[in-house]
Amino acid sequence: MSEFPGITHVALTVDDLAVSVPWYRALLDCEPVLDEDTGPFHHTVFLVGGTLLGLHQHHEPAATGRFDERRPGLDHVAFGVAGRDELEKWARRLDEMGIAHGEIVDAHYGSGLSFRDPDDIALELFAPPSS
């Protein structure tokens, strides 16, 4: 074996696909590539770059409770952009869409713009450091 393989897909569990699918459709500006009921869950999947992003709604959900990145499990999902100027454009686009977000945070390893989906799942747009 050579290097560890790349990520092919990320699946996020949501409360209500009727709310989450239109939200992600608007954010990603694309249509789902798959929408099916598998039995235990219904999922809608978007192709983002070369990675599949699935939204799952389980027919028998676990106990209620909002997403909290401080619990073991997922912390956040980050989407890569080319540079900080693109983050500024995204901040304006999120404002236009009515999506609350934090300020752009700059660090030695890059810059990030954080926001949350309808289920409070933490998302980020991330740019590498300027050279």
N, C-alpha and C. Protein backbone atom coordinates (compact mmCIF):
# COMPACT_ATOMS: atom_id res chain seq x y z
N MET A 1 0.85 -1.19 0.00
CA MET A 1 0.00 0.00 0.00
C MET A 1 0.88 1.23 0.00
N SER A 2 0.46 2.25 -0.71
CA SER A 2 1.22 3.49 -0.73
C SER A 2 0.64 4.45 0.30
N GLU A 3 0.08 5.53 -0.13
CA GLU A 3 -0.47 6.49 0.82
C GLU A 3 -1.93 6.18 1.12
N PHE A 4 -2.41 6.72 2.23
CA PHE A 4 -3.80 6.50 2.63
C PHE A 4 -4.72 7.14 1.59
N PRO A 5 -5.82 6.47 1.22
CA PRO A 5 -6.70 7.02 0.18
C PRO A 5 -7.42 8.29 0.63
N GLY A 6 -7.84 9.07 -0.35
CA GLY A 6 -8.56 10.32 -0.08
C GLY A 6 -9.99 10.05 0.35
N ILE A 7 -10.64 11.09 0.80
CA ILE A 7 -12.03 11.00 1.25
C ILE A 7 -12.94 11.02 0.02
N THR A 8 -13.84 10.04 -0.07
CA THR A 8 -14.78 9.97 -1.19
C THR A 8 -16.11 10.63 -0.87
N HIS A 9 -16.53 10.52 0.40
CA HIS A 9 -17.80 11.14 0.75
C HIS A 9 -17.86 11.46 2.25
N VAL A 10 -18.73 12.39 2.55
CA VAL A 10 -19.05 12.76 3.93
C VAL A 10 -20.56 12.70 4.03
N ALA A 11 -21.07 12.06 5.08
CA ALA A 11 -22.51 11.96 5.29
C ALA A 11 -22.88 12.67 6.59
N LEU A 12 -23.83 13.58 6.49
CA LEU A 12 -24.30 14.34 7.65
C LEU A 12 -25.73 13.93 7.96
N THR A 13 -26.01 13.64 9.21
CA THR A 13 -27.38 13.32 9.62
C THR A 13 -28.10 14.62 9.92
N VAL A 14 -29.29 14.80 9.33
CA VAL A 14 -30.08 16.01 9.52
C VAL A 14 -31.45 15.64 10.08
N ASP A 15 -32.10 16.62 10.68
CA ASP A 15 -33.44 16.41 11.24
C ASP A 15 -34.50 16.29 10.16
N ASP A 16 -34.42 17.15 9.13
CA ASP A 16 -35.50 17.24 8.15
C ASP A 16 -34.93 17.55 6.77
N LEU A 17 -34.96 16.57 5.88
CA LEU A 17 -34.45 16.79 4.53
C LEU A 17 -35.21 17.90 3.81
N ALA A 18 -36.49 18.07 4.13
CA ALA A 18 -37.28 19.11 3.48
C ALA A 18 -36.73 20.51 3.79
N VAL A 19 -36.02 20.64 4.91
CA VAL A 19 -35.39 21.91 5.27
C VAL A 19 -33.95 21.94 4.76
N SER A 20 -33.21 20.87 4.99
CA SER A 20 -31.78 20.85 4.68
C SER A 20 -31.46 20.81 3.20
N VAL A 21 -32.22 20.05 2.41
CA VAL A 21 -31.91 19.93 0.98
C VAL A 21 -31.99 21.28 0.28
N PRO A 22 -33.07 22.06 0.44
CA PRO A 22 -33.08 23.37 -0.23
C PRO A 22 -31.97 24.30 0.27
N TRP A 23 -31.64 24.21 1.56
CA TRP A 23 -30.58 25.05 2.12
C TRP A 23 -29.24 24.72 1.47
N TYR A 24 -28.89 23.42 1.41
CA TYR A 24 -27.63 23.01 0.79
C TYR A 24 -27.65 23.25 -0.72
N ARG A 25 -28.80 23.05 -1.35
CA ARG A 25 -28.92 23.30 -2.79
C ARG A 25 -28.57 24.77 -3.08
N ALA A 26 -29.08 25.68 -2.28
CA ALA A 26 -28.79 27.11 -2.47
C ALA A 26 -27.33 27.41 -2.16
N LEU A 27 -26.81 26.86 -1.07
CA LEU A 27 -25.43 27.11 -0.68
C LEU A 27 -24.46 26.60 -1.74
N LEU A 28 -24.66 25.36 -2.18
CA LEU A 28 -23.74 24.71 -3.11
C LEU A 28 -24.00 25.10 -4.56
N ASP A 29 -25.16 25.68 -4.82
CA ASP A 29 -25.56 26.11 -6.15
C ASP A 29 -25.50 24.95 -7.15
N CYS A 30 -26.05 23.80 -6.72
CA CYS A 30 -26.11 22.64 -7.61
C CYS A 30 -27.26 21.75 -7.17
N GLU A 31 -27.60 20.84 -8.05
CA GLU A 31 -28.66 19.87 -7.78
C GLU A 31 -28.06 18.59 -7.21
N PRO A 32 -28.81 17.85 -6.41
CA PRO A 32 -28.33 16.56 -5.92
C PRO A 32 -28.09 15.58 -7.07
N VAL A 33 -27.13 14.68 -6.85
CA VAL A 33 -26.86 13.63 -7.84
C VAL A 33 -27.56 12.32 -7.48
N LEU A 34 -28.10 12.26 -6.26
CA LEU A 34 -28.78 11.05 -5.79
C LEU A 34 -29.80 11.45 -4.73
N ASP A 35 -30.96 10.82 -4.78
CA ASP A 35 -32.00 11.04 -3.78
C ASP A 35 -32.76 9.72 -3.66
N GLU A 36 -32.54 8.99 -2.56
CA GLU A 36 -33.17 7.68 -2.45
C GLU A 36 -33.44 7.31 -0.99
N ASP A 37 -34.41 6.45 -0.84
CA ASP A 37 -34.74 5.88 0.47
C ASP A 37 -34.10 4.50 0.51
N THR A 38 -33.21 4.28 1.46
CA THR A 38 -32.48 3.01 1.55
C THR A 38 -33.16 2.01 2.47
N GLY A 39 -34.19 2.44 3.16
CA GLY A 39 -34.84 1.60 4.17
C GLY A 39 -34.63 2.21 5.54
N PRO A 40 -33.41 2.10 6.10
CA PRO A 40 -33.18 2.70 7.42
C PRO A 40 -33.09 4.23 7.39
N PHE A 41 -32.74 4.78 6.22
CA PHE A 41 -32.64 6.24 6.10
C PHE A 41 -32.89 6.67 4.66
N HIS A 42 -33.26 7.93 4.52
CA HIS A 42 -33.40 8.55 3.20
C HIS A 42 -32.20 9.47 3.06
N HIS A 43 -31.56 9.45 1.90
CA HIS A 43 -30.44 10.37 1.73
C HIS A 43 -30.51 11.09 0.40
N THR A 44 -30.00 12.31 0.45
CA THR A 44 -29.85 13.16 -0.71
C THR A 44 -28.37 13.51 -0.78
N VAL A 45 -27.77 13.35 -1.97
CA VAL A 45 -26.33 13.47 -2.10
C VAL A 45 -25.97 14.51 -3.16
N PHE A 46 -25.03 15.38 -2.81
CA PHE A 46 -24.50 16.39 -3.72
C PHE A 46 -23.06 16.03 -4.07
N LEU A 47 -22.63 16.38 -5.27
CA LEU A 47 -21.24 16.23 -5.67
C LEU A 47 -20.57 17.59 -5.53
N VAL A 48 -19.60 17.69 -4.62
CA VAL A 48 -18.90 18.93 -4.34
C VAL A 48 -17.43 18.71 -4.70
N GLY A 49 -16.98 19.32 -5.79
CA GLY A 49 -15.64 19.01 -6.27
C GLY A 49 -15.63 17.54 -6.65
N GLY A 50 -14.73 16.77 -6.10
CA GLY A 50 -14.71 15.34 -6.35
C GLY A 50 -15.24 14.53 -5.19
N THR A 51 -15.90 15.18 -4.23
CA THR A 51 -16.37 14.51 -3.02
C THR A 51 -17.89 14.54 -2.95
N LEU A 52 -18.47 13.43 -2.55
CA LEU A 52 -19.91 13.37 -2.34
C LEU A 52 -20.25 13.85 -0.94
N LEU A 53 -21.24 14.72 -0.84
CA LEU A 53 -21.73 15.22 0.44
C LEU A 53 -23.17 14.75 0.58
N GLY A 54 -23.38 13.79 1.51
CA GLY A 54 -24.70 13.20 1.70
C GLY A 54 -25.40 13.78 2.91
N LEU A 55 -26.69 13.98 2.76
CA LEU A 55 -27.56 14.38 3.87
C LEU A 55 -28.46 13.19 4.16
N HIS A 56 -28.40 12.69 5.40
CA HIS A 56 -29.17 11.51 5.79
C HIS A 56 -30.24 11.89 6.80
N GLN A 57 -31.44 11.40 6.57
CA GLN A 57 -32.51 11.51 7.56
C GLN A 57 -32.93 10.09 7.89
N HIS A 58 -32.69 9.70 9.14
CA HIS A 58 -33.00 8.34 9.58
C HIS A 58 -34.48 8.23 9.93
N HIS A 59 -35.07 7.08 9.59
CA HIS A 59 -36.48 6.85 9.90
C HIS A 59 -36.70 6.65 11.40
N GLU A 60 -35.69 6.16 12.09
CA GLU A 60 -35.75 6.02 13.54
C GLU A 60 -34.58 6.80 14.14
N PRO A 61 -34.76 8.12 14.27
CA PRO A 61 -33.65 8.94 14.76
C PRO A 61 -33.30 8.64 16.22
N ALA A 62 -32.09 8.97 16.58
CA ALA A 62 -31.63 8.83 17.97
C ALA A 62 -32.29 9.92 18.81
N ALA A 63 -31.98 9.93 20.08
CA ALA A 63 -32.51 10.95 20.98
C ALA A 63 -32.21 12.33 20.41
N THR A 64 -33.11 13.25 20.67
CA THR A 64 -32.94 14.60 20.15
C THR A 64 -31.76 15.30 20.82
N GLY A 65 -31.30 16.28 20.19
CA GLY A 65 -30.18 17.06 20.67
C GLY A 65 -29.49 17.69 19.49
N ARG A 66 -29.21 18.97 19.59
CA ARG A 66 -28.58 19.68 18.49
C ARG A 66 -27.11 19.29 18.38
N PHE A 67 -26.56 19.52 17.21
CA PHE A 67 -25.15 19.27 16.96
C PHE A 67 -24.30 20.10 17.91
N ASP A 68 -23.25 19.49 18.42
CA ASP A 68 -22.30 20.21 19.28
C ASP A 68 -20.91 19.65 18.99
N GLU A 69 -20.08 20.48 18.39
CA GLU A 69 -18.74 20.01 18.00
C GLU A 69 -17.85 19.68 19.18
N ARG A 70 -18.27 19.99 20.40
CA ARG A 70 -17.47 19.65 21.58
C ARG A 70 -17.69 18.21 22.03
N ARG A 71 -18.72 17.55 21.49
CA ARG A 71 -18.94 16.13 21.77
C ARG A 71 -18.06 15.30 20.86
N PRO A 72 -17.69 14.10 21.27
CA PRO A 72 -16.93 13.24 20.37
C PRO A 72 -17.71 13.00 19.08
N GLY A 73 -16.99 13.02 17.99
CA GLY A 73 -17.61 12.85 16.67
C GLY A 73 -17.12 13.95 15.75
N LEU A 74 -17.98 14.41 14.90
CA LEU A 74 -17.64 15.43 13.92
C LEU A 74 -17.41 16.78 14.59
N ASP A 75 -16.35 17.47 14.22
CA ASP A 75 -16.12 18.85 14.67
C ASP A 75 -16.69 19.82 13.65
N HIS A 76 -16.27 19.73 12.42
CA HIS A 76 -16.82 20.56 11.35
C HIS A 76 -16.41 19.99 10.00
N VAL A 77 -17.06 20.48 8.95
CA VAL A 77 -16.70 20.15 7.58
C VAL A 77 -16.20 21.43 6.94
N ALA A 78 -15.02 21.38 6.32
CA ALA A 78 -14.44 22.56 5.68
C ALA A 78 -14.39 22.38 4.16
N PHE A 79 -14.74 23.44 3.46
CA PHE A 79 -14.70 23.48 2.00
C PHE A 79 -13.56 24.42 1.60
N GLY A 80 -12.71 23.99 0.69
CA GLY A 80 -11.54 24.77 0.32
C GLY A 80 -11.83 25.82 -0.74
N VAL A 81 -11.25 27.00 -0.56
CA VAL A 81 -11.30 28.07 -1.55
C VAL A 81 -9.86 28.48 -1.86
N ALA A 82 -9.68 29.21 -2.95
CA ALA A 82 -8.33 29.52 -3.44
C ALA A 82 -7.55 30.48 -2.55
N GLY A 83 -8.23 31.48 -1.98
CA GLY A 83 -7.52 32.48 -1.20
C GLY A 83 -8.44 33.30 -0.34
N ARG A 84 -7.84 34.20 0.45
CA ARG A 84 -8.61 35.01 1.39
C ARG A 84 -9.62 35.91 0.68
N ASP A 85 -9.26 36.42 -0.51
CA ASP A 85 -10.19 37.27 -1.24
C ASP A 85 -11.47 36.51 -1.59
N GLU A 86 -11.35 35.22 -1.85
CA GLU A 86 -12.53 34.40 -2.11
C GLU A 86 -13.37 34.23 -0.85
N LEU A 87 -12.72 34.16 0.31
CA LEU A 87 -13.47 34.11 1.58
C LEU A 87 -14.29 35.38 1.76
N GLU A 88 -13.73 36.52 1.40
CA GLU A 88 -14.47 37.78 1.50
C GLU A 88 -15.70 37.77 0.61
N LYS A 89 -15.56 37.22 -0.60
CA LYS A 89 -16.70 37.10 -1.51
C LYS A 89 -17.75 36.16 -0.91
N TRP A 90 -17.30 35.07 -0.30
CA TRP A 90 -18.23 34.13 0.33
C TRP A 90 -18.95 34.77 1.51
N ALA A 91 -18.25 35.59 2.27
CA ALA A 91 -18.90 36.28 3.40
C ALA A 91 -20.05 37.14 2.87
N ARG A 92 -19.82 37.84 1.76
CA ARG A 92 -20.89 38.65 1.17
C ARG A 92 -22.03 37.77 0.66
N ARG A 93 -21.68 36.63 0.03
CA ARG A 93 -22.73 35.73 -0.47
C ARG A 93 -23.56 35.16 0.67
N LEU A 94 -22.90 34.76 1.76
CA LEU A 94 -23.65 34.25 2.92
C LEU A 94 -24.57 35.33 3.47
N ASP A 95 -24.09 36.57 3.52
CA ASP A 95 -24.94 37.69 3.96
C ASP A 95 -26.17 37.80 3.06
N GLU A 96 -25.96 37.75 1.74
CA GLU A 96 -27.07 37.85 0.79
C GLU A 96 -28.08 36.71 0.97
N MET A 97 -27.57 35.53 1.37
CA MET A 97 -28.44 34.38 1.57
C MET A 97 -29.09 34.38 2.96
N GLY A 98 -28.70 35.33 3.81
CA GLY A 98 -29.25 35.38 5.16
C GLY A 98 -28.67 34.32 6.09
N ILE A 99 -27.47 33.83 5.77
CA ILE A 99 -26.81 32.82 6.59
C ILE A 99 -25.83 33.51 7.53
N ALA A 100 -26.09 33.39 8.83
CA ALA A 100 -25.20 33.99 9.84
C ALA A 100 -23.84 33.31 9.77
N HIS A 101 -22.79 34.08 10.02
CA HIS A 101 -21.43 33.54 9.99
C HIS A 101 -20.55 34.37 10.89
N GLY A 102 -19.40 33.81 11.21
CA GLY A 102 -18.41 34.54 11.99
C GLY A 102 -17.58 35.43 11.09
N GLU A 103 -16.62 36.09 11.69
CA GLU A 103 -15.65 36.88 10.93
C GLU A 103 -14.62 35.94 10.32
N ILE A 104 -13.92 36.39 9.32
CA ILE A 104 -12.81 35.61 8.77
C ILE A 104 -11.70 35.61 9.80
N VAL A 105 -11.23 34.41 10.13
CA VAL A 105 -10.16 34.25 11.12
C VAL A 105 -8.89 33.86 10.38
N ASP A 106 -7.85 34.66 10.59
CA ASP A 106 -6.56 34.40 9.95
C ASP A 106 -5.61 33.73 10.93
N ALA A 107 -4.92 32.73 10.47
CA ALA A 107 -3.91 32.03 11.28
C ALA A 107 -2.73 31.71 10.37
N HIS A 108 -1.64 31.28 10.95
CA HIS A 108 -0.45 30.99 10.15
C HIS A 108 -0.69 29.85 9.15
N TYR A 109 -1.65 28.96 9.42
CA TYR A 109 -1.92 27.81 8.56
C TYR A 109 -3.02 28.08 7.54
N GLY A 110 -3.64 29.28 7.58
CA GLY A 110 -4.68 29.63 6.62
C GLY A 110 -5.75 30.50 7.25
N SER A 111 -6.80 30.76 6.49
CA SER A 111 -7.90 31.62 6.94
C SER A 111 -9.21 30.87 6.81
N GLY A 112 -10.12 31.08 7.75
CA GLY A 112 -11.39 30.38 7.74
C GLY A 112 -12.57 31.29 8.00
N LEU A 113 -13.70 30.89 7.44
CA LEU A 113 -14.97 31.58 7.63
C LEU A 113 -15.97 30.52 8.08
N SER A 114 -16.46 30.64 9.31
CA SER A 114 -17.32 29.61 9.90
C SER A 114 -18.79 30.01 9.86
N PHE A 115 -19.65 29.00 9.68
CA PHE A 115 -21.10 29.20 9.71
C PHE A 115 -21.75 27.86 10.03
N ARG A 116 -23.07 27.82 10.16
CA ARG A 116 -23.78 26.59 10.54
C ARG A 116 -24.95 26.33 9.62
N ASP A 117 -25.25 25.04 9.48
CA ASP A 117 -26.40 24.67 8.66
C ASP A 117 -27.67 24.69 9.52
N PRO A 118 -28.83 24.34 8.97
CA PRO A 118 -30.08 24.39 9.76
C PRO A 118 -30.09 23.50 11.00
N ASP A 119 -29.23 22.47 11.05
CA ASP A 119 -29.14 21.60 12.23
C ASP A 119 -27.99 22.00 13.15
N ASP A 120 -27.43 23.17 12.93
CA ASP A 120 -26.29 23.69 13.70
C ASP A 120 -24.99 22.95 13.43
N ILE A 121 -24.92 22.15 12.37
CA ILE A 121 -23.66 21.49 12.02
C ILE A 121 -22.67 22.56 11.60
N ALA A 122 -21.49 22.53 12.19
CA ALA A 122 -20.46 23.54 11.91
C ALA A 122 -19.83 23.30 10.54
N LEU A 123 -19.83 24.35 9.74
CA LEU A 123 -19.23 24.33 8.40
C LEU A 123 -18.21 25.45 8.31
N GLU A 124 -17.28 25.31 7.39
CA GLU A 124 -16.23 26.33 7.25
C GLU A 124 -15.81 26.41 5.79
N LEU A 125 -15.50 27.62 5.37
CA LEU A 125 -14.81 27.83 4.10
C LEU A 125 -13.38 28.16 4.49
N PHE A 126 -12.41 27.48 3.87
CA PHE A 126 -11.03 27.60 4.30
C PHE A 126 -10.10 27.90 3.15
N ALA A 127 -9.20 28.86 3.34
CA ALA A 127 -8.20 29.23 2.33
C ALA A 127 -6.81 28.98 2.88
N PRO A 128 -5.90 28.47 2.04
CA PRO A 128 -4.52 28.27 2.49
C PRO A 128 -3.86 29.62 2.77
N PRO A 129 -2.74 29.60 3.49
CA PRO A 129 -2.06 30.87 3.78
C PRO A 129 -1.54 31.53 2.50
N SER A 130 -1.49 32.84 2.52
CA SER A 130 -0.93 33.58 1.37
C SER A 130 0.57 33.31 1.30
N SER A 131 1.08 33.27 0.09
CA SER A 131 2.53 33.01 -0.03
C SER A 131 3.30 34.29 -0.18
